[in-house]
Amino acid sequence: MHDDQLLPAEPGVRAIARELYRHAKDLPLISPHGHVDPAILADDKPFPDPARLIVVPDHYITRMLASQGIAPAALGVPALDGTPVETDGRTIWRLLAANWHLFRGTPSRLWTEGVLAEVFGVGTPLNARTADDVYDAVAARLADPEFRPRALFERFNLEVLATTESPLSDLGAHAKLAADGWGGPGGRVITTFRPDDMVDLDWPGWTERVERLGAGTYAEFLDRLRERRQAFIAAGATSSDHGHPTAATLALPRDEAAALFDRALRGAPQDGDAERFRAHMLVEFARMSVEDGLVMQLHPGAVRNHNAALYARHGRDVGGDIPGPTEYVQALRPLLDELGTDPRFRIVLYTLDETAFTRELAPLAGGYPAVFLGAPWWFLDSPEGLRRYREAVTESAGFYNTAGFVDDTRAFCSIPVRHDVARRVDAGFLARLVAEHRLPLDEAAETIADLAYHLPKRVYQRTVHTGESA
C-alpha cells in the first residue's frame, strides 16, 4: 500500500494526516465483532489454497462476480442442493483474475490488494496474465509455518479477536483455545453470544432449535438462555450480538410473552408474532445484560436472503442480503425508557441506513449514557462510508460516544488491512479539523489513538453489577 493511501490530497492537510496516522499505525488491533471461524485458530492448520482462503468465503467478492453472471458454484461456494461446484483452486483464482476489473474503486479491491501486498508480500498487479504467478506466490507463502493462523495472528498485532456463535454451539474450538492459553476470560480469542436463531420465529427450524436448547416453556426458554450466556462468559465473551430485521423493542407482560411463545412452539403463530417476539426478546436480553454484564450490540436493517434463488442453492450468508431503511427513535424507546440511563447497561448501535446517523443515531448516543455508536458496517464499511460517518455523527455525538472500528469479517487475513483503512480515514478527518484550527494537534493525536485502540477496549469490556470494569 502506498504510504499516503487514503490520506487527504491537499499537501498541508496530508502532512498533518501523516503525523496523526503515525500515532495509530502500530497500535494493537482490537477486533470486537467478526465472524472468523475459531476452529481456524484452534486447529492452527495451514490455510488451504489461495482461492479457498481469499475468494470462496468472501461474499463481497462472490457477490460482485455473481452480479455479472458468474455463478457462485463456479467460484467454489458450497451448494445445498447438490449442484456441482468448482473444486480446483487455480481455476477459481483465474476466474477472479480475469474479472478483476469489476472491482475497480471498491473496498474489496482495496482489501484484497492490501492482503496480497501486506500479508503475503506479493505486489504483482492481479490480472488474467499474472493470475498464475500471484497464485503460486501466495501458495508458496501458505506452505511456510510463519503463515499458519496463529503465527499470522501474532504478526497482525491482534490483541483480541471476538468470534460469533449461536447459543447452541458447544464452544469446542474455544475450549481448545483456552486449553492452549489463547481463549477464555482475558484470552486473545473470545466468543460472542449471537441468539438470532433462537428468537426469530421466521427462521426455518426454530422449534427444533428450541427443543435442542431444552426449553418446553417460556420460563425454561429464558433460563436456558441465561445458562448459555454464562457458558459464553466462561469462554471469554464480553458482548452479545443481535442481527434483527428491525430495531423494534417491546416490553410485553410476562403472560403475554409466554402465550406468544407457546403459540409459536405449537406451530400456530398469529400475524405479527415474529416481530413482536423479536422486539420483546431484545428487551429481555437487555435485562440479562444488566444481570451478567455482557455489552449488547444491535445490527438491524439487513433484508436477509433477498435473492431467493441464491438462498435456495447456497444457503445463508453468501451475498444475498440487501440493506433496508431502519427507524431507531421510536423503535428503541421501550428499551431506552427502561435501561437507557442505567449505568449497568451498555448498547452499541449499528446501521445499514446511513441516513439515520445524523437524524437518529448520533442524537441518541448524545442523549443516553448507555448508547454508543458502532462503526459503519457491511455495505458502509468503505473509505467513503467511514468518512461520511465521522462527518455525520461527530457534531452530535462527538468521538467518545462511538465504539471504535469493527472489521465484521469472515476473511481472517483481511483484518489488519481493514483496520489500517479505518485508521487512515480517521487520520484524514482529524487532520482537516487541525488544519481548520478546530482541534489542536496534540488533542487530535490523542483522539486517533483512542479511536483506534482505547475506545473499543473500554466500550466492549464486560461490566459487573456495579458498573465497574470486570
Protein backbone atom coordinates (compact mmCIF):
# COMPACT_ATOMS: atom_id res chain seq x y z
CA MET A 1 0.00 0.00 0.00
CA HIS A 2 1.22 3.49 -0.81
CA ASP A 3 2.40 5.41 2.25
CA ASP A 4 -0.18 8.12 1.61
CA GLN A 5 -3.05 5.88 0.51
CA LEU A 6 -6.41 7.37 1.56
CA LEU A 7 -4.77 10.42 3.15
CA PRO A 8 -6.01 13.88 2.01
CA ALA A 9 -4.74 15.12 -1.36
CA GLU A 10 -4.05 18.70 -0.21
CA PRO A 11 -0.33 18.77 0.75
CA GLY A 12 -0.68 20.71 4.00
CA VAL A 13 -3.52 18.59 5.35
CA ARG A 14 -1.78 15.44 4.15
CA ALA A 15 1.31 16.32 6.19
CA ILE A 16 -0.84 16.62 9.31
CA ALA A 17 -2.60 13.34 8.50
CA ARG A 18 0.75 11.58 8.14
CA GLU A 19 1.71 12.72 11.63
CA LEU A 20 -1.62 11.63 13.11
CA TYR A 21 -1.56 8.28 11.35
CA ARG A 22 1.84 7.64 12.90
CA HIS A 23 0.19 7.73 16.34
CA ALA A 24 -2.27 4.95 15.38
CA LYS A 25 -0.42 2.87 12.81
CA ASP A 26 1.30 0.42 15.15
CA LEU A 27 -1.26 0.18 17.94
CA PRO A 28 -2.56 -3.34 18.63
CA LEU A 29 -5.75 -4.41 16.90
CA ILE A 30 -8.96 -4.89 18.86
CA SER A 31 -11.44 -6.92 16.80
CA PRO A 32 -14.61 -6.95 18.93
CA HIS A 33 -17.05 -8.12 16.28
CA GLY A 34 -16.41 -10.59 13.48
CA HIS A 35 -17.19 -13.96 12.02
CA VAL A 36 -13.85 -15.74 11.74
CA ASP A 37 -14.27 -19.45 12.42
CA PRO A 38 -12.50 -20.06 15.77
CA ALA A 39 -11.53 -23.55 14.58
CA ILE A 40 -9.05 -21.88 12.23
CA LEU A 41 -7.02 -20.74 15.24
CA ALA A 42 -7.87 -23.68 17.48
CA ASP A 43 -6.56 -26.22 14.96
CA ASP A 44 -3.80 -23.95 13.59
CA LYS A 45 -3.60 -25.95 10.38
CA PRO A 46 -2.09 -24.47 7.21
CA PHE A 47 -4.57 -22.45 5.22
CA PRO A 48 -5.89 -24.12 2.07
CA ASP A 49 -5.04 -22.87 -1.39
CA PRO A 50 -5.28 -19.11 -2.16
CA ALA A 51 -8.75 -19.39 -3.69
CA ARG A 52 -10.26 -21.10 -0.66
CA LEU A 53 -8.61 -18.58 1.60
CA ILE A 54 -9.38 -15.36 -0.29
CA VAL A 55 -12.22 -16.00 -2.76
CA VAL A 56 -14.61 -18.76 -1.66
CA PRO A 57 -15.54 -17.44 1.83
CA ASP A 58 -15.64 -13.75 0.86
CA HIS A 59 -19.20 -12.87 -0.12
CA TYR A 60 -18.10 -9.35 -1.10
CA ILE A 61 -16.08 -10.96 -3.90
CA THR A 62 -18.53 -13.68 -4.89
CA ARG A 63 -21.43 -11.22 -4.81
CA MET A 64 -19.77 -8.84 -7.28
CA LEU A 65 -18.93 -11.68 -9.65
CA ALA A 66 -22.45 -13.08 -9.36
CA SER A 67 -23.81 -9.66 -10.33
CA GLN A 68 -22.02 -10.14 -13.65
CA GLY A 69 -23.48 -13.59 -14.22
CA ILE A 70 -20.67 -15.71 -12.77
CA ALA A 71 -22.35 -18.43 -10.74
CA PRO A 72 -21.15 -18.88 -7.13
CA ALA A 73 -20.75 -22.58 -7.91
CA ALA A 74 -18.04 -21.64 -10.41
CA LEU A 75 -16.26 -19.91 -7.53
CA GLY A 76 -16.37 -22.93 -5.27
CA VAL A 77 -19.18 -21.71 -2.99
CA PRO A 78 -20.68 -24.85 -1.39
CA ALA A 79 -24.16 -25.76 -2.62
CA LEU A 80 -27.01 -27.12 -0.53
CA ASP A 81 -28.98 -28.55 -3.43
CA GLY A 82 -26.32 -30.88 -4.78
CA THR A 83 -25.21 -28.54 -7.58
CA PRO A 84 -21.62 -29.40 -8.55
CA VAL A 85 -19.17 -26.68 -7.60
CA GLU A 86 -15.68 -25.91 -8.78
CA THR A 87 -13.04 -27.55 -6.58
CA ASP A 88 -9.82 -26.55 -8.34
CA GLY A 89 -8.35 -23.52 -6.58
CA ARG A 90 -6.31 -22.38 -9.56
CA THR A 91 -9.37 -22.39 -11.81
CA ILE A 92 -11.28 -20.27 -9.29
CA TRP A 93 -8.36 -17.87 -8.96
CA ARG A 94 -8.04 -17.48 -12.72
CA LEU A 95 -11.74 -16.61 -12.91
CA LEU A 96 -11.27 -13.90 -10.28
CA ALA A 97 -8.21 -12.51 -12.03
CA ALA A 98 -9.91 -12.42 -15.42
CA ASN A 99 -12.67 -10.30 -13.89
CA TRP A 100 -10.57 -8.19 -11.54
CA HIS A 101 -11.57 -5.04 -13.42
CA LEU A 102 -15.06 -5.38 -11.91
CA PHE A 103 -13.64 -4.38 -8.54
CA ARG A 104 -12.18 -1.01 -9.57
CA GLY A 105 -12.97 1.59 -6.93
CA THR A 106 -14.44 -0.94 -4.47
CA PRO A 107 -13.27 -1.66 -0.92
CA SER A 108 -12.99 -5.32 -1.92
CA ARG A 109 -10.17 -4.42 -4.28
CA LEU A 110 -8.53 -2.24 -1.63
CA TRP A 111 -8.69 -5.01 0.98
CA THR A 112 -7.64 -7.82 -1.36
CA GLU A 113 -4.68 -5.96 -2.81
CA GLY A 114 -3.71 -5.00 0.74
CA VAL A 115 -3.80 -8.64 1.80
CA LEU A 116 -1.69 -9.70 -1.17
CA ALA A 117 0.89 -6.97 -0.62
CA GLU A 118 0.95 -6.52 3.16
CA VAL A 119 0.28 -10.07 4.36
CA PHE A 120 1.84 -12.15 1.59
CA GLY A 121 4.38 -9.71 0.17
CA VAL A 122 3.00 -10.04 -3.35
CA GLY A 123 2.95 -6.71 -5.16
CA THR A 124 2.32 -8.01 -8.68
CA PRO A 125 -0.87 -6.43 -10.06
CA LEU A 126 -3.59 -9.04 -10.43
CA ASN A 127 -4.98 -9.67 -13.91
CA ALA A 128 -5.56 -12.55 -16.31
CA ARG A 129 -1.90 -12.61 -17.39
CA THR A 130 -0.48 -12.64 -13.86
CA ALA A 131 -3.08 -14.95 -12.26
CA ASP A 132 -0.83 -17.99 -12.03
CA ASP A 133 2.20 -16.01 -10.81
CA VAL A 134 0.20 -14.43 -7.99
CA TYR A 135 -1.46 -17.72 -7.12
CA ASP A 136 1.88 -19.55 -6.94
CA ALA A 137 3.46 -16.80 -4.82
CA VAL A 138 0.63 -16.90 -2.29
CA ALA A 139 0.56 -20.71 -2.29
CA ALA A 140 4.28 -20.77 -1.52
CA ARG A 141 3.74 -18.47 1.47
CA LEU A 142 0.89 -20.65 2.74
CA ALA A 143 3.26 -23.64 2.86
CA ASP A 144 5.53 -21.73 5.28
CA PRO A 145 4.85 -22.27 9.03
CA GLU A 146 5.11 -18.49 9.51
CA PHE A 147 1.84 -18.18 7.60
CA ARG A 148 -0.18 -20.51 9.78
CA PRO A 149 -3.13 -18.88 11.55
CA ARG A 150 -1.58 -18.38 14.99
CA ALA A 151 1.66 -17.06 13.56
CA LEU A 152 -0.28 -14.56 11.44
CA PHE A 153 -2.37 -13.60 14.47
CA GLU A 154 0.85 -12.59 16.22
CA ARG A 155 2.17 -10.76 13.16
CA PHE A 156 -1.12 -8.88 12.76
CA ASN A 157 -0.60 -7.49 16.28
CA LEU A 158 -4.08 -8.69 17.21
CA GLU A 159 -4.65 -8.19 20.92
CA VAL A 160 -8.13 -9.72 20.94
CA LEU A 161 -10.37 -11.32 18.33
CA ALA A 162 -14.07 -11.90 19.03
CA THR A 163 -15.86 -14.60 17.06
CA THR A 164 -19.64 -15.10 16.91
CA GLU A 165 -21.53 -18.25 17.87
CA SER A 166 -25.12 -19.46 18.32
CA PRO A 167 -26.32 -20.33 21.84
CA LEU A 168 -26.43 -23.95 20.64
CA SER A 169 -22.70 -24.02 19.93
CA ASP A 170 -20.72 -26.35 22.17
CA LEU A 171 -17.88 -23.79 22.03
CA GLY A 172 -15.46 -26.66 21.47
CA ALA A 173 -12.97 -24.59 19.49
CA HIS A 174 -12.93 -22.02 22.27
CA ALA A 175 -12.32 -24.75 24.84
CA LYS A 176 -9.28 -25.88 22.85
CA LEU A 177 -8.04 -22.31 22.58
CA ALA A 178 -8.45 -21.85 26.33
CA ALA A 179 -6.53 -25.07 26.99
CA ASP A 180 -3.73 -23.71 24.81
CA GLY A 181 -3.75 -20.37 26.64
CA TRP A 182 -5.40 -18.47 23.80
CA GLY A 183 -9.03 -18.27 24.95
CA GLY A 184 -11.28 -17.74 27.94
CA PRO A 185 -11.60 -14.55 30.02
CA GLY A 186 -8.66 -12.33 29.25
CA GLY A 187 -7.70 -14.52 26.29
CA ARG A 188 -6.74 -13.44 22.82
CA VAL A 189 -9.69 -15.22 21.13
CA ILE A 190 -13.12 -14.84 22.72
CA THR A 191 -16.66 -15.69 21.70
CA THR A 192 -19.77 -13.53 21.28
CA PHE A 193 -23.31 -14.60 22.16
CA ARG A 194 -25.46 -14.40 18.99
CA PRO A 195 -29.02 -15.66 19.71
CA ASP A 196 -30.81 -14.64 16.48
CA ASP A 197 -31.60 -18.24 15.54
CA MET A 198 -33.32 -18.74 18.91
CA VAL A 199 -35.61 -15.69 18.80
CA ASP A 200 -36.51 -15.38 15.11
CA LEU A 201 -39.72 -17.35 14.60
CA ASP A 202 -39.39 -16.83 10.83
CA TRP A 203 -36.05 -18.66 10.72
CA PRO A 204 -36.73 -22.24 9.50
CA GLY A 205 -36.16 -24.86 12.18
CA TRP A 206 -36.95 -22.62 15.16
CA THR A 207 -38.99 -25.21 17.08
CA GLU A 208 -36.28 -27.84 16.62
CA ARG A 209 -33.64 -25.44 17.93
CA VAL A 210 -35.77 -24.60 20.98
CA GLU A 211 -36.08 -28.35 21.62
CA ARG A 212 -32.29 -28.71 21.41
CA LEU A 213 -31.97 -25.85 23.87
CA GLY A 214 -34.08 -27.88 26.27
CA ALA A 215 -36.96 -25.43 26.66
CA GLY A 216 -40.59 -26.50 26.73
CA THR A 217 -41.99 -23.35 28.28
CA TYR A 218 -41.22 -19.66 28.05
CA ALA A 219 -39.77 -19.64 31.57
CA GLU A 220 -37.47 -22.55 30.67
CA PHE A 221 -36.52 -20.74 27.47
CA LEU A 222 -35.29 -17.71 29.41
CA ASP A 223 -33.50 -19.89 31.96
CA ARG A 224 -31.69 -21.91 29.27
CA LEU A 225 -30.60 -18.69 27.51
CA ARG A 226 -29.24 -17.31 30.79
CA GLU A 227 -27.32 -20.54 31.30
CA ARG A 228 -25.86 -20.39 27.81
CA ARG A 229 -24.80 -16.78 28.37
CA GLN A 230 -22.85 -17.95 31.42
CA ALA A 231 -21.16 -20.63 29.30
CA PHE A 232 -20.22 -17.95 26.78
CA ILE A 233 -18.87 -15.70 29.53
CA ALA A 234 -16.73 -18.63 30.72
CA ALA A 235 -15.42 -18.84 27.14
CA GLY A 236 -14.41 -15.18 27.28
CA ALA A 237 -17.49 -13.42 25.90
CA THR A 238 -17.79 -9.73 26.74
CA SER A 239 -20.72 -8.96 24.45
CA SER A 240 -23.84 -10.27 22.78
CA ASP A 241 -24.82 -9.51 19.19
CA HIS A 242 -28.31 -9.21 17.71
CA GLY A 243 -28.96 -9.02 13.97
CA HIS A 244 -32.68 -8.38 13.82
CA PRO A 245 -34.57 -7.22 10.74
CA THR A 246 -35.58 -4.01 12.57
CA ALA A 247 -34.58 -2.13 15.69
CA ALA A 248 -38.01 -2.64 17.27
CA THR A 249 -38.11 -3.22 21.03
CA LEU A 250 -41.16 -4.13 23.09
CA ALA A 251 -41.66 -4.93 26.77
CA LEU A 252 -44.52 -7.44 26.80
CA PRO A 253 -46.20 -8.54 30.03
CA ARG A 254 -44.81 -11.90 31.12
CA ASP A 255 -48.04 -13.84 30.48
CA GLU A 256 -48.44 -12.32 27.01
CA ALA A 257 -44.86 -13.22 26.07
CA ALA A 258 -45.43 -16.76 27.36
CA ALA A 259 -48.62 -17.13 25.32
CA LEU A 260 -46.84 -15.92 22.19
CA PHE A 261 -44.01 -18.40 22.78
CA ASP A 262 -46.47 -21.25 23.31
CA ARG A 263 -48.32 -20.45 20.07
CA ALA A 264 -45.09 -20.49 18.12
CA LEU A 265 -43.94 -23.73 19.72
CA ARG A 266 -47.24 -25.35 18.71
CA GLY A 267 -46.72 -24.12 15.16
CA ALA A 268 -49.67 -21.72 15.34
CA PRO A 269 -48.23 -18.18 15.48
CA GLN A 270 -50.50 -15.23 14.74
CA ASP A 271 -49.76 -12.44 12.29
CA GLY A 272 -47.16 -10.13 13.78
CA ASP A 273 -45.96 -12.61 16.39
CA ALA A 274 -42.50 -12.96 14.89
CA GLU A 275 -41.73 -9.23 15.03
CA ARG A 276 -43.30 -8.85 18.46
CA PHE A 277 -41.29 -11.73 19.85
CA ARG A 278 -38.01 -10.46 18.41
CA ALA A 279 -38.74 -6.99 19.78
CA HIS A 280 -39.65 -8.32 23.21
CA MET A 281 -36.58 -10.55 23.38
CA LEU A 282 -34.32 -7.56 22.75
CA VAL A 283 -35.66 -6.09 25.99
CA GLU A 284 -35.23 -9.43 27.76
CA PHE A 285 -31.65 -9.67 26.54
CA ALA A 286 -31.01 -6.12 27.70
CA ARG A 287 -32.25 -7.11 31.16
CA MET A 288 -29.93 -10.10 31.07
CA SER A 289 -27.08 -7.76 30.18
CA VAL A 290 -27.76 -5.83 33.37
CA GLU A 291 -27.51 -9.11 35.27
CA ASP A 292 -24.40 -10.58 33.66
CA GLY A 293 -22.56 -7.57 32.24
CA LEU A 294 -22.46 -8.50 28.57
CA VAL A 295 -22.34 -5.46 26.29
CA MET A 296 -25.24 -5.53 23.85
CA GLN A 297 -24.74 -4.96 20.12
CA LEU A 298 -27.65 -4.38 17.74
CA HIS A 299 -27.18 -4.82 13.98
CA PRO A 300 -30.61 -4.27 12.38
CA GLY A 301 -31.66 -3.48 8.84
CA ALA A 302 -30.50 -6.37 6.67
CA VAL A 303 -33.20 -7.87 4.48
CA ARG A 304 -31.92 -11.41 4.70
CA ASN A 305 -31.90 -13.85 1.78
CA HIS A 306 -33.41 -11.33 -0.64
CA ASN A 307 -32.02 -13.38 -3.51
CA ALA A 308 -34.28 -16.40 -3.12
CA ALA A 309 -32.57 -18.46 -5.81
CA LEU A 310 -29.14 -17.89 -4.23
CA TYR A 311 -30.51 -18.82 -0.81
CA ALA A 312 -32.16 -21.99 -2.12
CA ARG A 313 -28.95 -23.14 -3.78
CA HIS A 314 -26.26 -21.96 -1.36
CA GLY A 315 -27.95 -21.01 1.92
CA ARG A 316 -27.38 -18.03 4.20
CA ASP A 317 -24.51 -15.54 4.30
CA VAL A 318 -23.30 -15.88 0.73
CA GLY A 319 -24.15 -12.40 -0.54
CA GLY A 320 -27.92 -12.49 -0.94
CA ASP A 321 -28.78 -9.87 1.69
CA ILE A 322 -29.81 -6.27 0.94
CA PRO A 323 -29.89 -3.22 3.25
CA GLY A 324 -33.27 -1.77 4.14
CA PRO A 325 -34.36 1.51 5.77
CA THR A 326 -34.36 1.40 9.57
CA GLU A 327 -36.07 3.57 12.20
CA TYR A 328 -34.47 3.85 15.64
CA VAL A 329 -36.01 6.71 17.66
CA GLN A 330 -39.41 5.16 18.36
CA ALA A 331 -38.22 1.58 17.86
CA LEU A 332 -35.72 1.77 20.71
CA ARG A 333 -37.84 3.86 23.05
CA PRO A 334 -39.26 0.97 25.13
CA LEU A 335 -35.76 -0.38 25.78
CA LEU A 336 -34.22 3.04 26.46
CA ASP A 337 -37.10 4.10 28.71
CA GLU A 338 -36.25 1.14 30.91
CA LEU A 339 -32.46 0.98 30.70
CA GLY A 340 -31.07 3.91 28.71
CA THR A 341 -29.71 5.65 31.81
CA ASP A 342 -28.84 2.54 33.81
CA PRO A 343 -25.06 2.56 34.49
CA ARG A 344 -25.04 -1.25 34.33
CA PHE A 345 -26.23 -1.31 30.72
CA ARG A 346 -24.37 -0.59 27.51
CA ILE A 347 -25.62 -0.97 23.93
CA VAL A 348 -23.70 -0.40 20.69
CA LEU A 349 -25.93 0.53 17.74
CA TYR A 350 -25.12 -0.16 14.10
CA THR A 351 -26.97 0.67 10.92
CA LEU A 352 -27.08 -0.17 7.23
CA ASP A 353 -29.13 3.01 6.66
CA GLU A 354 -26.64 5.85 6.87
CA THR A 355 -29.42 8.43 6.63
CA ALA A 356 -30.07 7.50 10.27
CA PHE A 357 -26.63 8.58 11.51
CA THR A 358 -27.29 12.32 11.70
CA ARG A 359 -31.06 12.20 12.17
CA GLU A 360 -31.37 9.47 14.80
CA LEU A 361 -28.31 7.60 15.96
CA ALA A 362 -25.92 10.42 16.81
CA PRO A 363 -28.58 12.27 18.84
CA LEU A 364 -29.47 9.04 20.66
CA ALA A 365 -25.84 8.42 21.55
CA GLY A 366 -25.57 12.03 22.64
CA GLY A 367 -28.65 11.71 24.84
CA TYR A 368 -28.31 8.35 26.62
CA PRO A 369 -25.24 7.26 28.59
CA ALA A 370 -25.95 3.60 27.74
CA VAL A 371 -25.79 4.17 23.96
CA PHE A 372 -22.67 4.05 21.79
CA LEU A 373 -22.39 4.21 18.01
CA GLY A 374 -20.93 1.26 16.17
CA ALA A 375 -18.68 1.72 13.17
CA PRO A 376 -20.02 1.76 9.59
CA TRP A 377 -20.82 -1.84 8.90
CA TRP A 378 -21.03 -4.16 5.91
CA PHE A 379 -22.17 -2.12 2.89
CA LEU A 380 -20.98 1.07 4.62
CA ASP A 381 -17.53 -0.28 5.55
CA SER A 382 -15.60 1.61 2.88
CA PRO A 383 -13.29 4.64 2.78
CA GLU A 384 -16.10 6.97 1.74
CA GLY A 385 -18.56 5.38 4.16
CA LEU A 386 -16.11 5.80 7.02
CA ARG A 387 -15.54 9.45 6.12
CA ARG A 388 -19.25 10.18 5.86
CA TYR A 389 -19.77 8.53 9.23
CA ARG A 390 -17.36 10.88 11.00
CA GLU A 391 -18.89 13.88 9.25
CA ALA A 392 -22.41 12.74 10.14
CA VAL A 393 -22.02 11.84 13.81
CA THR A 394 -19.22 13.90 15.32
CA GLU A 395 -21.12 17.16 15.74
CA SER A 396 -23.90 15.48 17.79
CA ALA A 397 -22.15 12.53 19.42
CA GLY A 398 -18.51 13.61 19.45
CA PHE A 399 -15.81 10.96 19.25
CA TYR A 400 -16.27 9.46 22.68
CA ASN A 401 -19.81 8.18 22.18
CA THR A 402 -18.51 5.98 19.36
CA ALA A 403 -17.15 2.49 19.89
CA GLY A 404 -14.17 2.19 17.56
CA PHE A 405 -13.78 0.17 14.38
CA VAL A 406 -15.11 -3.36 13.81
CA ASP A 407 -13.95 -5.41 10.84
CA ASP A 408 -17.05 -7.68 10.80
CA THR A 409 -15.31 -10.18 8.57
CA ARG A 410 -15.01 -13.89 7.88
CA ALA A 411 -11.78 -13.25 5.96
CA PHE A 412 -9.11 -13.60 8.64
CA CYS A 413 -6.25 -12.26 6.54
CA SER A 414 -8.14 -9.03 5.75
CA ILE A 415 -8.40 -7.93 9.40
CA PRO A 416 -5.20 -5.82 9.58
CA VAL A 417 -5.89 -4.20 6.20
CA ARG A 418 -9.43 -3.18 7.21
CA HIS A 419 -8.22 -1.66 10.47
CA ASP A 420 -5.48 0.19 8.64
CA VAL A 421 -8.04 1.68 6.24
CA ALA A 422 -10.10 2.96 9.19
CA ARG A 423 -7.04 4.48 10.85
CA ARG A 424 -6.03 6.26 7.67
CA VAL A 425 -9.53 7.67 7.17
CA ASP A 426 -9.66 8.90 10.77
CA ALA A 427 -6.23 10.50 10.33
CA GLY A 428 -7.54 12.41 7.34
CA PHE A 429 -10.71 13.55 9.14
CA LEU A 430 -8.81 14.73 12.19
CA ALA A 431 -6.16 16.42 10.04
CA ARG A 432 -8.86 18.59 8.48
CA LEU A 433 -10.02 19.67 11.95
CA VAL A 434 -6.44 20.58 12.82
CA ALA A 435 -5.88 22.43 9.53
CA GLU A 436 -9.08 24.42 10.11
CA HIS A 437 -7.92 25.31 13.63
CA ARG A 438 -10.82 23.45 15.18
CA LEU A 439 -8.67 20.99 17.14
CA PRO A 440 -5.09 21.26 18.45
CA LEU A 441 -2.62 18.76 17.02
CA ASP A 442 -1.87 17.18 20.39
CA GLU A 443 -5.57 16.55 21.05
CA ALA A 444 -6.02 15.11 17.57
CA ALA A 445 -3.11 12.73 18.21
CA GLU A 446 -4.70 11.61 21.46
CA THR A 447 -8.07 11.18 19.74
CA ILE A 448 -6.83 8.96 16.93
CA ALA A 449 -5.15 6.64 19.43
CA ASP A 450 -8.40 6.49 21.39
CA LEU A 451 -10.47 5.73 18.28
CA ALA A 452 -8.10 3.02 17.12
CA TYR A 453 -7.41 1.28 20.41
CA HIS A 454 -8.54 2.70 23.75
CA LEU A 455 -12.25 3.28 22.98
CA PRO A 456 -13.05 -0.26 21.77
CA LYS A 457 -11.20 -1.67 24.78
CA ARG A 458 -13.34 0.43 27.10
CA VAL A 459 -16.69 0.08 25.35
CA TYR A 460 -16.61 -3.66 24.67
CA GLN A 461 -15.35 -4.80 28.05
CA ARG A 462 -17.85 -6.68 30.18
CA THR A 463 -19.17 -4.82 33.22
CA VAL A 464 -20.20 -6.22 36.59
CA HIS A 465 -23.31 -5.29 38.52
CA THR A 466 -21.83 -2.14 40.00
CA GLY A 467 -20.92 -0.81 36.56
CA GLU A 468 -17.21 -1.15 37.29
CA SER A 469 -14.89 -2.94 34.92
CA ALA A 470 -14.85 -6.69 35.22
